[in-house]
Amino acid sequence: MFTPALQAELLVLFGLLTSHDERVVVDLGDSPHAKGMKVLVPRERADDPALLRRHKQRVAAEAAEREADRREVEAIARASGMEP
């Protein structure tokens, strides 16, 4: 039940707990390995396209790395005779 709305609320809560300035949730869209990416940024930077592009690239790269790791672990499991 980890819906996009819940993800946004958790980001807001995280921002309240860890930051002294006001932060907002920005929807970064989708990438091949991550759907509905969101990021928490200072309100005054929420319209900064360069910052948002860097965040999207970072989040997408992390998701791609996790996907590659998952495929590698599954390949190792299959080669070991285990069902992934």
N, C-alpha and C. Protein backbone atom coordinates (compact mmCIF):
# COMPACT_ATOMS: atom_id res chain seq x y z
N MET A 1 0.82 -1.20 0.00
CA MET A 1 0.00 0.00 0.00
C MET A 1 0.87 1.27 0.00
N PHE A 2 2.08 1.19 -0.54
CA PHE A 2 2.98 2.34 -0.59
C PHE A 2 2.63 3.16 -1.82
N THR A 3 1.55 3.92 -1.70
CA THR A 3 1.03 4.71 -2.82
C THR A 3 1.85 5.98 -3.01
N PRO A 4 1.74 6.61 -4.16
CA PRO A 4 2.43 7.89 -4.36
C PRO A 4 2.03 8.93 -3.31
N ALA A 5 0.77 8.95 -2.90
CA ALA A 5 0.33 9.90 -1.88
C ALA A 5 1.01 9.62 -0.55
N LEU A 6 1.15 8.35 -0.18
CA LEU A 6 1.83 8.00 1.06
C LEU A 6 3.30 8.37 0.96
N GLN A 7 3.92 8.12 -0.18
CA GLN A 7 5.32 8.47 -0.37
C GLN A 7 5.52 9.99 -0.17
N ALA A 8 4.63 10.78 -0.73
CA ALA A 8 4.74 12.23 -0.58
C ALA A 8 4.59 12.64 0.88
N GLU A 9 3.64 12.05 1.58
CA GLU A 9 3.44 12.38 3.00
C GLU A 9 4.65 11.99 3.83
N LEU A 10 5.26 10.85 3.54
CA LEU A 10 6.46 10.43 4.28
C LEU A 10 7.62 11.38 4.00
N LEU A 11 7.74 11.86 2.77
CA LEU A 11 8.79 12.83 2.47
C LEU A 11 8.57 14.12 3.24
N VAL A 12 7.33 14.60 3.31
CA VAL A 12 7.03 15.80 4.08
C VAL A 12 7.40 15.60 5.54
N LEU A 13 7.01 14.47 6.11
CA LEU A 13 7.33 14.17 7.50
C LEU A 13 8.83 14.12 7.70
N PHE A 14 9.55 13.47 6.81
CA PHE A 14 11.00 13.40 6.90
C PHE A 14 11.60 14.81 6.87
N GLY A 15 11.08 15.65 6.00
CA GLY A 15 11.57 17.02 5.92
C GLY A 15 11.33 17.80 7.19
N LEU A 16 10.19 17.60 7.82
CA LEU A 16 9.90 18.28 9.07
C LEU A 16 10.83 17.83 10.19
N LEU A 17 11.21 16.57 10.15
CA LEU A 17 12.06 16.02 11.21
C LEU A 17 13.53 16.35 11.02
N THR A 18 13.96 16.62 9.81
CA THR A 18 15.39 16.75 9.55
C THR A 18 15.84 18.12 9.06
N SER A 19 14.95 19.03 8.81
CA SER A 19 15.35 20.29 8.20
C SER A 19 14.82 21.48 8.99
N HIS A 20 15.60 22.56 8.95
CA HIS A 20 15.17 23.79 9.61
C HIS A 20 14.45 24.74 8.66
N ASP A 21 14.61 24.52 7.35
CA ASP A 21 13.92 25.37 6.39
C ASP A 21 12.72 24.63 5.82
N GLU A 22 11.83 25.38 5.18
CA GLU A 22 10.62 24.78 4.63
C GLU A 22 10.96 24.03 3.35
N ARG A 23 10.51 22.81 3.27
CA ARG A 23 10.76 21.98 2.10
C ARG A 23 9.43 21.52 1.50
N VAL A 24 9.47 21.26 0.21
CA VAL A 24 8.28 20.80 -0.50
C VAL A 24 8.62 19.55 -1.29
N VAL A 25 7.60 18.75 -1.56
CA VAL A 25 7.76 17.55 -2.37
C VAL A 25 7.58 17.94 -3.83
N VAL A 26 8.54 17.52 -4.66
CA VAL A 26 8.47 17.78 -6.10
C VAL A 26 8.42 16.44 -6.82
N ASP A 27 7.48 16.30 -7.72
CA ASP A 27 7.34 15.08 -8.51
C ASP A 27 8.33 15.15 -9.67
N LEU A 28 9.22 14.17 -9.76
CA LEU A 28 10.23 14.13 -10.81
C LEU A 28 9.80 13.30 -12.01
N GLY A 29 8.67 12.64 -11.90
CA GLY A 29 8.20 11.81 -13.00
C GLY A 29 8.76 10.40 -12.96
N ASP A 30 8.84 9.77 -14.11
CA ASP A 30 9.26 8.38 -14.21
C ASP A 30 10.62 8.26 -14.89
N SER A 31 11.26 7.13 -14.64
CA SER A 31 12.44 6.72 -15.38
C SER A 31 12.23 5.24 -15.70
N PRO A 32 13.09 4.63 -16.48
CA PRO A 32 12.87 3.23 -16.83
C PRO A 32 12.78 2.29 -15.62
N HIS A 33 13.47 2.61 -14.53
CA HIS A 33 13.49 1.71 -13.38
C HIS A 33 12.81 2.29 -12.14
N ALA A 34 12.26 3.48 -12.24
CA ALA A 34 11.61 4.10 -11.09
C ALA A 34 10.40 4.88 -11.57
N LYS A 35 9.26 4.58 -11.02
CA LYS A 35 8.02 5.26 -11.40
C LYS A 35 7.61 6.24 -10.31
N GLY A 36 7.14 7.39 -10.71
CA GLY A 36 6.63 8.37 -9.75
C GLY A 36 7.68 8.88 -8.79
N MET A 37 8.87 9.18 -9.29
CA MET A 37 9.95 9.65 -8.40
C MET A 37 9.57 10.99 -7.79
N LYS A 38 9.88 11.14 -6.51
CA LYS A 38 9.62 12.38 -5.80
C LYS A 38 10.88 12.74 -5.01
N VAL A 39 11.03 14.04 -4.75
CA VAL A 39 12.18 14.50 -3.99
C VAL A 39 11.72 15.65 -3.10
N LEU A 40 12.40 15.81 -1.99
CA LEU A 40 12.11 16.87 -1.03
C LEU A 40 13.18 17.95 -1.21
N VAL A 41 12.76 19.17 -1.54
CA VAL A 41 13.71 20.26 -1.78
C VAL A 41 13.26 21.52 -1.06
N PRO A 42 14.20 22.44 -0.80
CA PRO A 42 13.79 23.73 -0.22
C PRO A 42 12.80 24.42 -1.15
N ARG A 43 11.82 25.07 -0.57
CA ARG A 43 10.75 25.71 -1.35
C ARG A 43 11.32 26.63 -2.43
N GLU A 44 12.35 27.39 -2.10
CA GLU A 44 12.89 28.35 -3.06
C GLU A 44 13.64 27.69 -4.22
N ARG A 45 13.92 26.39 -4.12
CA ARG A 45 14.62 25.67 -5.19
C ARG A 45 13.68 24.75 -5.97
N ALA A 46 12.41 24.73 -5.63
CA ALA A 46 11.46 23.80 -6.24
C ALA A 46 11.26 24.05 -7.73
N ASP A 47 11.59 25.24 -8.21
CA ASP A 47 11.42 25.55 -9.64
C ASP A 47 12.76 25.62 -10.37
N ASP A 48 13.83 25.12 -9.74
CA ASP A 48 15.17 25.15 -10.33
C ASP A 48 15.35 23.92 -11.23
N PRO A 49 15.26 24.08 -12.55
CA PRO A 49 15.31 22.91 -13.43
C PRO A 49 16.63 22.15 -13.35
N ALA A 50 17.74 22.84 -13.15
CA ALA A 50 19.04 22.16 -13.06
C ALA A 50 19.10 21.29 -11.81
N LEU A 51 18.63 21.80 -10.69
CA LEU A 51 18.61 21.03 -9.45
C LEU A 51 17.71 19.80 -9.60
N LEU A 52 16.52 20.00 -10.15
CA LEU A 52 15.59 18.89 -10.30
C LEU A 52 16.11 17.85 -11.28
N ARG A 53 16.78 18.29 -12.32
CA ARG A 53 17.37 17.36 -13.29
C ARG A 53 18.46 16.50 -12.60
N ARG A 54 19.30 17.15 -11.77
CA ARG A 54 20.34 16.39 -11.05
C ARG A 54 19.71 15.38 -10.10
N HIS A 55 18.65 15.79 -9.39
CA HIS A 55 17.97 14.86 -8.49
C HIS A 55 17.38 13.69 -9.27
N LYS A 56 16.74 13.98 -10.40
CA LYS A 56 16.13 12.91 -11.19
C LYS A 56 17.20 11.95 -11.70
N GLN A 57 18.32 12.48 -12.17
CA GLN A 57 19.40 11.63 -12.65
C GLN A 57 19.95 10.74 -11.52
N ARG A 58 20.12 11.33 -10.33
CA ARG A 58 20.64 10.57 -9.19
C ARG A 58 19.67 9.46 -8.78
N VAL A 59 18.39 9.81 -8.64
CA VAL A 59 17.38 8.82 -8.23
C VAL A 59 17.26 7.73 -9.28
N ALA A 60 17.25 8.12 -10.56
CA ALA A 60 17.14 7.13 -11.64
C ALA A 60 18.37 6.22 -11.67
N ALA A 61 19.56 6.77 -11.45
CA ALA A 61 20.78 5.96 -11.44
C ALA A 61 20.76 4.97 -10.27
N GLU A 62 20.30 5.41 -9.11
CA GLU A 62 20.20 4.52 -7.96
C GLU A 62 19.21 3.39 -8.24
N ALA A 63 18.08 3.72 -8.85
CA ALA A 63 17.08 2.69 -9.17
C ALA A 63 17.63 1.71 -10.19
N ALA A 64 18.36 2.20 -11.19
CA ALA A 64 18.95 1.32 -12.20
C ALA A 64 19.98 0.39 -11.56
N GLU A 65 20.76 0.93 -10.62
CA GLU A 65 21.75 0.10 -9.93
C GLU A 65 21.07 -0.99 -9.09
N ARG A 66 20.00 -0.63 -8.39
CA ARG A 66 19.25 -1.63 -7.62
C ARG A 66 18.70 -2.72 -8.53
N GLU A 67 18.18 -2.33 -9.69
CA GLU A 67 17.64 -3.30 -10.64
C GLU A 67 18.74 -4.22 -11.16
N ALA A 68 19.90 -3.66 -11.48
CA ALA A 68 21.02 -4.49 -11.94
C ALA A 68 21.47 -5.45 -10.83
N ASP A 69 21.52 -4.96 -9.59
CA ASP A 69 21.89 -5.83 -8.46
C ASP A 69 20.88 -6.96 -8.30
N ARG A 70 19.59 -6.64 -8.43
CA ARG A 70 18.54 -7.66 -8.30
C ARG A 70 18.71 -8.73 -9.36
N ARG A 71 18.95 -8.31 -10.60
CA ARG A 71 19.14 -9.29 -11.68
C ARG A 71 20.38 -10.16 -11.43
N GLU A 72 21.43 -9.57 -10.92
CA GLU A 72 22.66 -10.32 -10.63
C GLU A 72 22.42 -11.36 -9.53
N VAL A 73 21.72 -10.97 -8.48
CA VAL A 73 21.42 -11.90 -7.39
C VAL A 73 20.54 -13.04 -7.90
N GLU A 74 19.56 -12.72 -8.73
CA GLU A 74 18.72 -13.77 -9.30
C GLU A 74 19.53 -14.72 -10.19
N ALA A 75 20.47 -14.18 -10.95
CA ALA A 75 21.32 -15.03 -11.80
C ALA A 75 22.19 -15.96 -10.95
N ILE A 76 22.73 -15.43 -9.88
CA ILE A 76 23.54 -16.24 -8.96
C ILE A 76 22.68 -17.34 -8.34
N ALA A 77 21.45 -16.98 -7.94
CA ALA A 77 20.55 -17.97 -7.34
C ALA A 77 20.25 -19.08 -8.35
N ARG A 78 19.94 -18.71 -9.59
CA ARG A 78 19.65 -19.73 -10.61
C ARG A 78 20.87 -20.60 -10.86
N ALA A 79 22.07 -20.00 -10.95
CA ALA A 79 23.30 -20.77 -11.19
C ALA A 79 23.60 -21.71 -10.02
N SER A 80 23.12 -21.36 -8.85
CA SER A 80 23.33 -22.18 -7.65
C SER A 80 22.24 -23.22 -7.49
N GLY A 81 21.29 -23.26 -8.42
CA GLY A 81 20.21 -24.24 -8.35
C GLY A 81 19.06 -23.82 -7.47
N MET A 82 19.03 -22.56 -7.05
CA MET A 82 17.94 -22.07 -6.22
C MET A 82 16.94 -21.34 -7.10
N GLU A 83 15.71 -21.33 -6.69
CA GLU A 83 14.66 -20.60 -7.40
C GLU A 83 14.66 -19.17 -6.90
N PRO A 84 14.90 -18.18 -7.78
CA PRO A 84 14.92 -16.77 -7.32
C PRO A 84 13.53 -16.28 -6.96
